PDB file of N, CA and C in Angstrom:
ATOM      1  N   MET A   1      16.655   7.997  -9.097  1.00  0.00           N
ATOM      2  CA  MET A   1      17.494   7.180  -8.223  1.00  0.00           C
ATOM      3  C   MET A   1      16.730   6.766  -6.962  1.00  0.00           C
ATOM      4  N   LYS A   2      16.000   7.708  -6.362  1.00  0.00           N
ATOM      5  CA  LYS A   2      15.264   7.384  -5.149  1.00  0.00           C
ATOM      6  C   LYS A   2      14.213   6.302  -5.420  1.00  0.00           C
ATOM      7  N   GLU A   3      13.561   6.363  -6.582  1.00  0.00           N
ATOM      8  CA  GLU A   3      12.557   5.353  -6.911  1.00  0.00           C
ATOM      9  C   GLU A   3      13.187   3.967  -7.018  1.00  0.00           C
ATOM     10  N   ALA A   4      14.367   3.882  -7.566  1.00  0.00           N
ATOM     11  CA  ALA A   4      15.053   2.590  -7.674  1.00  0.00           C
ATOM     12  C   ALA A   4      15.404   2.052  -6.292  1.00  0.00           C
ATOM     13  N   GLU A   5      15.874   2.926  -5.421  1.00  0.00           N
ATOM     14  CA  GLU A   5      16.197   2.512  -4.048  1.00  0.00           C
ATOM     15  C   GLU A   5      14.943   2.078  -3.307  1.00  0.00           C
ATOM     16  N   ASP A   6      13.843   2.819  -3.503  1.00  0.00           N
ATOM     17  CA  ASP A   6      12.576   2.446  -2.876  1.00  0.00           C
ATOM     18  C   ASP A   6      12.121   1.069  -3.346  1.00  0.00           C
ATOM     19  N   LEU A   7      12.267   0.801  -4.639  1.00  0.00           N
ATOM     20  CA  LEU A   7      11.849  -0.487  -5.181  1.00  0.00           C
ATOM     21  C   LEU A   7      12.693  -1.628  -4.614  1.00  0.00           C
ATOM     22  N   ILE A   8      13.983  -1.418  -4.498  1.00  0.00           N
ATOM     23  CA  ILE A   8      14.865  -2.436  -3.905  1.00  0.00           C
ATOM     24  C   ILE A   8      14.444  -2.709  -2.464  1.00  0.00           C
ATOM     25  N   ARG A   9      14.206  -1.645  -1.705  1.00  0.00           N
ATOM     26  CA  ARG A   9      13.794  -1.788  -0.309  1.00  0.00           C
ATOM     27  C   ARG A   9      12.441  -2.482  -0.214  1.00  0.00           C
ATOM     28  N   GLN A  10      11.496  -2.095  -1.080  1.00  0.00           N
ATOM     29  CA  GLN A  10      10.179  -2.710  -1.064  1.00  0.00           C
ATOM     30  C   GLN A  10      10.271  -4.197  -1.405  1.00  0.00           C
ATOM     31  N   ASN A  11      11.052  -4.539  -2.409  1.00  0.00           N
ATOM     32  CA  ASN A  11      11.204  -5.956  -2.771  1.00  0.00           C
ATOM     33  C   ASN A  11      11.763  -6.768  -1.619  1.00  0.00           C
ATOM     34  N   TYR A  12      12.729  -6.204  -0.918  1.00  0.00           N
ATOM     35  CA  TYR A  12      13.302  -6.907   0.236  1.00  0.00           C
ATOM     36  C   TYR A  12      12.241  -7.104   1.319  1.00  0.00           C
ATOM     37  N   LEU A  13      11.516  -6.051   1.645  1.00  0.00           N
ATOM     38  CA  LEU A  13      10.500  -6.152   2.692  1.00  0.00           C
ATOM     39  C   LEU A  13       9.387  -7.115   2.288  1.00  0.00           C
ATOM     40  N   GLU A  14       9.012  -7.105   1.018  1.00  0.00           N
ATOM     41  CA  GLU A  14       7.997  -8.050   0.551  1.00  0.00           C
ATOM     42  C   GLU A  14       8.494  -9.488   0.660  1.00  0.00           C
ATOM     43  N   SER A  15       9.789  -9.697   0.497  1.00  0.00           N
ATOM     44  CA  SER A  15      10.336 -11.043   0.652  1.00  0.00           C
ATOM     45  C   SER A  15      10.214 -11.531   2.095  1.00  0.00           C
ATOM     46  N   LEU A  16      10.036 -10.599   3.020  1.00  0.00           N
ATOM     47  CA  LEU A  16       9.831 -10.940   4.428  1.00  0.00           C
ATOM     48  C   LEU A  16       8.350 -11.082   4.777  1.00  0.00           C
ATOM     49  N   GLY A  17       7.470 -10.890   3.780  1.00  0.00           N
ATOM     50  CA  GLY A  17       6.038 -11.060   3.998  1.00  0.00           C
ATOM     51  C   GLY A  17       5.285  -9.777   4.272  1.00  0.00           C
ATOM     52  N   ILE A  18       5.938  -8.643   4.153  1.00  0.00           N
ATOM     53  CA  ILE A  18       5.272  -7.362   4.374  1.00  0.00           C
ATOM     54  C   ILE A  18       4.538  -6.969   3.103  1.00  0.00           C
ATOM     55  N   ILE A  19       3.288  -6.535   3.264  1.00  0.00           N
ATOM     56  CA  ILE A  19       2.451  -6.161   2.132  1.00  0.00           C
ATOM     57  C   ILE A  19       2.325  -4.642   2.106  1.00  0.00           C
ATOM     58  N   PHE A  20       2.427  -4.067   0.912  1.00  0.00           N
ATOM     59  CA  PHE A  20       2.386  -2.617   0.755  1.00  0.00           C
ATOM     60  C   PHE A  20       1.069  -2.158   0.155  1.00  0.00           C
ATOM     61  N   PHE A  21       0.613  -1.017   0.608  1.00  0.00           N
ATOM     62  CA  PHE A  21      -0.502  -0.292   0.018  1.00  0.00           C
ATOM     63  C   PHE A  21       0.034   1.093  -0.288  1.00  0.00           C
ATOM     64  N   ARG A  22       0.307   1.350  -1.553  1.00  0.00           N
ATOM     65  CA  ARG A  22       0.936   2.623  -1.946  1.00  0.00           C
ATOM     66  C   ARG A  22      -0.109   3.609  -2.427  1.00  0.00           C
ATOM     67  N   ILE A  23       0.013   4.823  -1.937  1.00  0.00           N
ATOM     68  CA  ILE A  23      -0.831   5.930  -2.368  1.00  0.00           C
ATOM     69  C   ILE A  23       0.039   7.178  -2.434  1.00  0.00           C
ATOM     70  N   SER A  24      -0.406   8.126  -3.209  1.00  0.00           N
ATOM     71  CA  SER A  24       0.356   9.372  -3.297  1.00  0.00           C
ATOM     72  C   SER A  24      -0.110  10.347  -2.218  1.00  0.00           C
ATOM     73  N   ASP A  25       0.787  11.226  -1.824  1.00  0.00           N
ATOM     74  CA  ASP A  25       0.409  12.236  -0.845  1.00  0.00           C
ATOM     75  C   ASP A  25      -0.642  13.170  -1.429  1.00  0.00           C
ATOM     76  N   LEU A  26      -0.611  13.390  -2.741  1.00  0.00           N
ATOM     77  CA  LEU A  26      -1.609  14.246  -3.377  1.00  0.00           C
ATOM     78  C   LEU A  26      -2.998  13.628  -3.264  1.00  0.00           C
ATOM     79  N   ASP A  27      -3.109  12.310  -3.460  1.00  0.00           N
ATOM     80  CA  ASP A  27      -4.408  11.643  -3.292  1.00  0.00           C
ATOM     81  C   ASP A  27      -4.937  11.820  -1.877  1.00  0.00           C
ATOM     82  N   VAL A  28      -4.075  11.704  -0.899  1.00  0.00           N
ATOM     83  CA  VAL A  28      -4.501  11.874   0.490  1.00  0.00           C
ATOM     84  C   VAL A  28      -5.008  13.292   0.706  1.00  0.00           C
ATOM     85  N   LYS A  29      -4.334  14.254   0.116  1.00  0.00           N
ATOM     86  CA  LYS A  29      -4.704  15.662   0.308  1.00  0.00           C
ATOM     87  C   LYS A  29      -6.006  16.039  -0.375  1.00  0.00           C
ATOM     88  N   ILE A  30      -6.239  15.492  -1.573  1.00  0.00           N
ATOM     89  CA  ILE A  30      -7.409  15.959  -2.335  1.00  0.00           C
ATOM     90  C   ILE A  30      -8.534  14.941  -2.452  1.00  0.00           C
ATOM     91  N   ASN A  31      -8.285  13.698  -2.063  1.00  0.00           N
ATOM     92  CA  ASN A  31      -9.280  12.654  -2.293  1.00  0.00           C
ATOM     93  C   ASN A  31      -9.272  11.644  -1.154  1.00  0.00           C
ATOM     94  N   LEU A  32      -9.296  12.121   0.060  1.00  0.00           N
ATOM     95  CA  LEU A  32      -9.141  11.252   1.229  1.00  0.00           C
ATOM     96  C   LEU A  32     -10.243  10.202   1.324  1.00  0.00           C
ATOM     97  N   ASP A  33     -11.474  10.567   1.006  1.00  0.00           N
ATOM     98  CA  ASP A  33     -12.565   9.585   1.095  1.00  0.00           C
ATOM     99  C   ASP A  33     -12.307   8.379   0.190  1.00  0.00           C
ATOM    100  N   SER A  34     -11.875   8.645  -1.013  1.00  0.00           N
ATOM    101  CA  SER A  34     -11.570   7.559  -1.949  1.00  0.00           C
ATOM    102  C   SER A  34     -10.383   6.729  -1.466  1.00  0.00           C
ATOM    103  N   VAL A  35      -9.368   7.396  -0.948  1.00  0.00           N
ATOM    104  CA  VAL A  35      -8.198   6.689  -0.419  1.00  0.00           C
ATOM    105  C   VAL A  35      -8.614   5.764   0.713  1.00  0.00           C
ATOM    106  N   MET A  36      -9.447   6.254   1.603  1.00  0.00           N
ATOM    107  CA  MET A  36      -9.892   5.436   2.737  1.00  0.00           C
ATOM    108  C   MET A  36     -10.697   4.231   2.258  1.00  0.00           C
ATOM    109  N   GLN A  37     -11.544   4.427   1.250  1.00  0.00           N
ATOM    110  CA  GLN A  37     -12.320   3.309   0.713  1.00  0.00           C
ATOM    111  C   GLN A  37     -11.401   2.287   0.059  1.00  0.00           C
ATOM    112  N   ASN A  38     -10.420   2.776  -0.699  1.00  0.00           N
ATOM    113  CA  ASN A  38      -9.461   1.871  -1.337  1.00  0.00           C
ATOM    114  C   ASN A  38      -8.649   1.094  -0.302  1.00  0.00           C
ATOM    115  N   LEU A  39      -8.276   1.751   0.785  1.00  0.00           N
ATOM    116  CA  LEU A  39      -7.537   1.080   1.856  1.00  0.00           C
ATOM    117  C   LEU A  39      -8.398   0.014   2.516  1.00  0.00           C
ATOM    118  N   GLU A  40      -9.649   0.338   2.770  1.00  0.00           N
ATOM    119  CA  GLU A  40     -10.552  -0.659   3.353  1.00  0.00           C
ATOM    120  C   GLU A  40     -10.696  -1.871   2.433  1.00  0.00           C
ATOM    121  N   ASP A  41     -10.894  -1.618   1.147  1.00  0.00           N
ATOM    122  CA  ASP A  41     -11.017  -2.717   0.178  1.00  0.00           C
ATOM    123  C   ASP A  41      -9.743  -3.566   0.145  1.00  0.00           C
ATOM    124  N   PHE A  42      -8.599  -2.905   0.187  1.00  0.00           N
ATOM    125  CA  PHE A  42      -7.314  -3.596   0.188  1.00  0.00           C
ATOM    126  C   PHE A  42      -7.186  -4.503   1.410  1.00  0.00           C
ATOM    127  N   ILE A  43      -7.534  -3.976   2.567  1.00  0.00           N
ATOM    128  CA  ILE A  43      -7.436  -4.760   3.810  1.00  0.00           C
ATOM    129  C   ILE A  43      -8.361  -5.964   3.752  1.00  0.00           C
ATOM    130  N   ILE A  44      -9.575  -5.757   3.293  1.00  0.00           N
ATOM    131  CA  ILE A  44     -10.523  -6.859   3.198  1.00  0.00           C
ATOM    132  C   ILE A  44     -10.007  -7.920   2.233  1.00  0.00           C
ATOM    133  N   GLN A  45      -9.522  -7.475   1.079  1.00  0.00           N
ATOM    134  CA  GLN A  45      -9.032  -8.413   0.065  1.00  0.00           C
ATOM    135  C   GLN A  45      -7.825  -9.215   0.574  1.00  0.00           C
ATOM    136  N   LYS A  46      -6.923  -8.567   1.266  1.00  0.00           N
ATOM    137  CA  LYS A  46      -5.684  -9.219   1.671  1.00  0.00           C
ATOM    138  C   LYS A  46      -5.809 -10.033   2.953  1.00  0.00           C
ATOM    139  N   PHE A  47      -6.720  -9.616   3.853  1.00  0.00           N
ATOM    140  CA  PHE A  47      -6.712 -10.222   5.184  1.00  0.00           C
ATOM    141  C   PHE A  47      -8.021 -10.848   5.627  1.00  0.00           C
ATOM    142  N   ALA A  48      -9.135 -10.524   5.033  1.00  0.00           N
ATOM    143  CA  ALA A  48     -10.423 -11.013   5.524  1.00  0.00           C
ATOM    144  C   ALA A  48     -10.575 -12.518   5.313  1.00  0.00           C
ATOM    145  N   PHE A  49      -9.981 -13.061   4.261  1.00  0.00           N
ATOM    146  CA  PHE A  49     -10.159 -14.477   3.992  1.00  0.00           C
ATOM    147  C   PHE A  49      -9.376 -15.351   4.971  1.00  0.00           C
ATOM    148  N   GLY A  50      -8.478 -14.756   5.729  1.00  0.00           N
ATOM    149  CA  GLY A  50      -7.727 -15.513   6.710  1.00  0.00           C
ATOM    150  C   GLY A  50      -8.439 -15.648   8.041  1.00  0.00           C
ATOM    151  N   LEU A  51      -9.597 -15.004   8.155  1.00  0.00           N
ATOM    152  CA  LEU A  51     -10.338 -15.036   9.432  1.00  0.00           C
ATOM    153  C   LEU A  51     -11.085 -16.317   9.622  1.00  0.00           C
TER     154      LEU A  51
END
């Protein structure tokens, strides 16, 4: 049920132009370096071309 509510909320926020980068808390705990690299790549992909 919570996942369905999260998806509804995410869809609404995305309709307002908000972009999501989803990661699990477990990834942050055990693989932070990879998470940080993925976040950097995401930011570059989504926002660097607008510069």
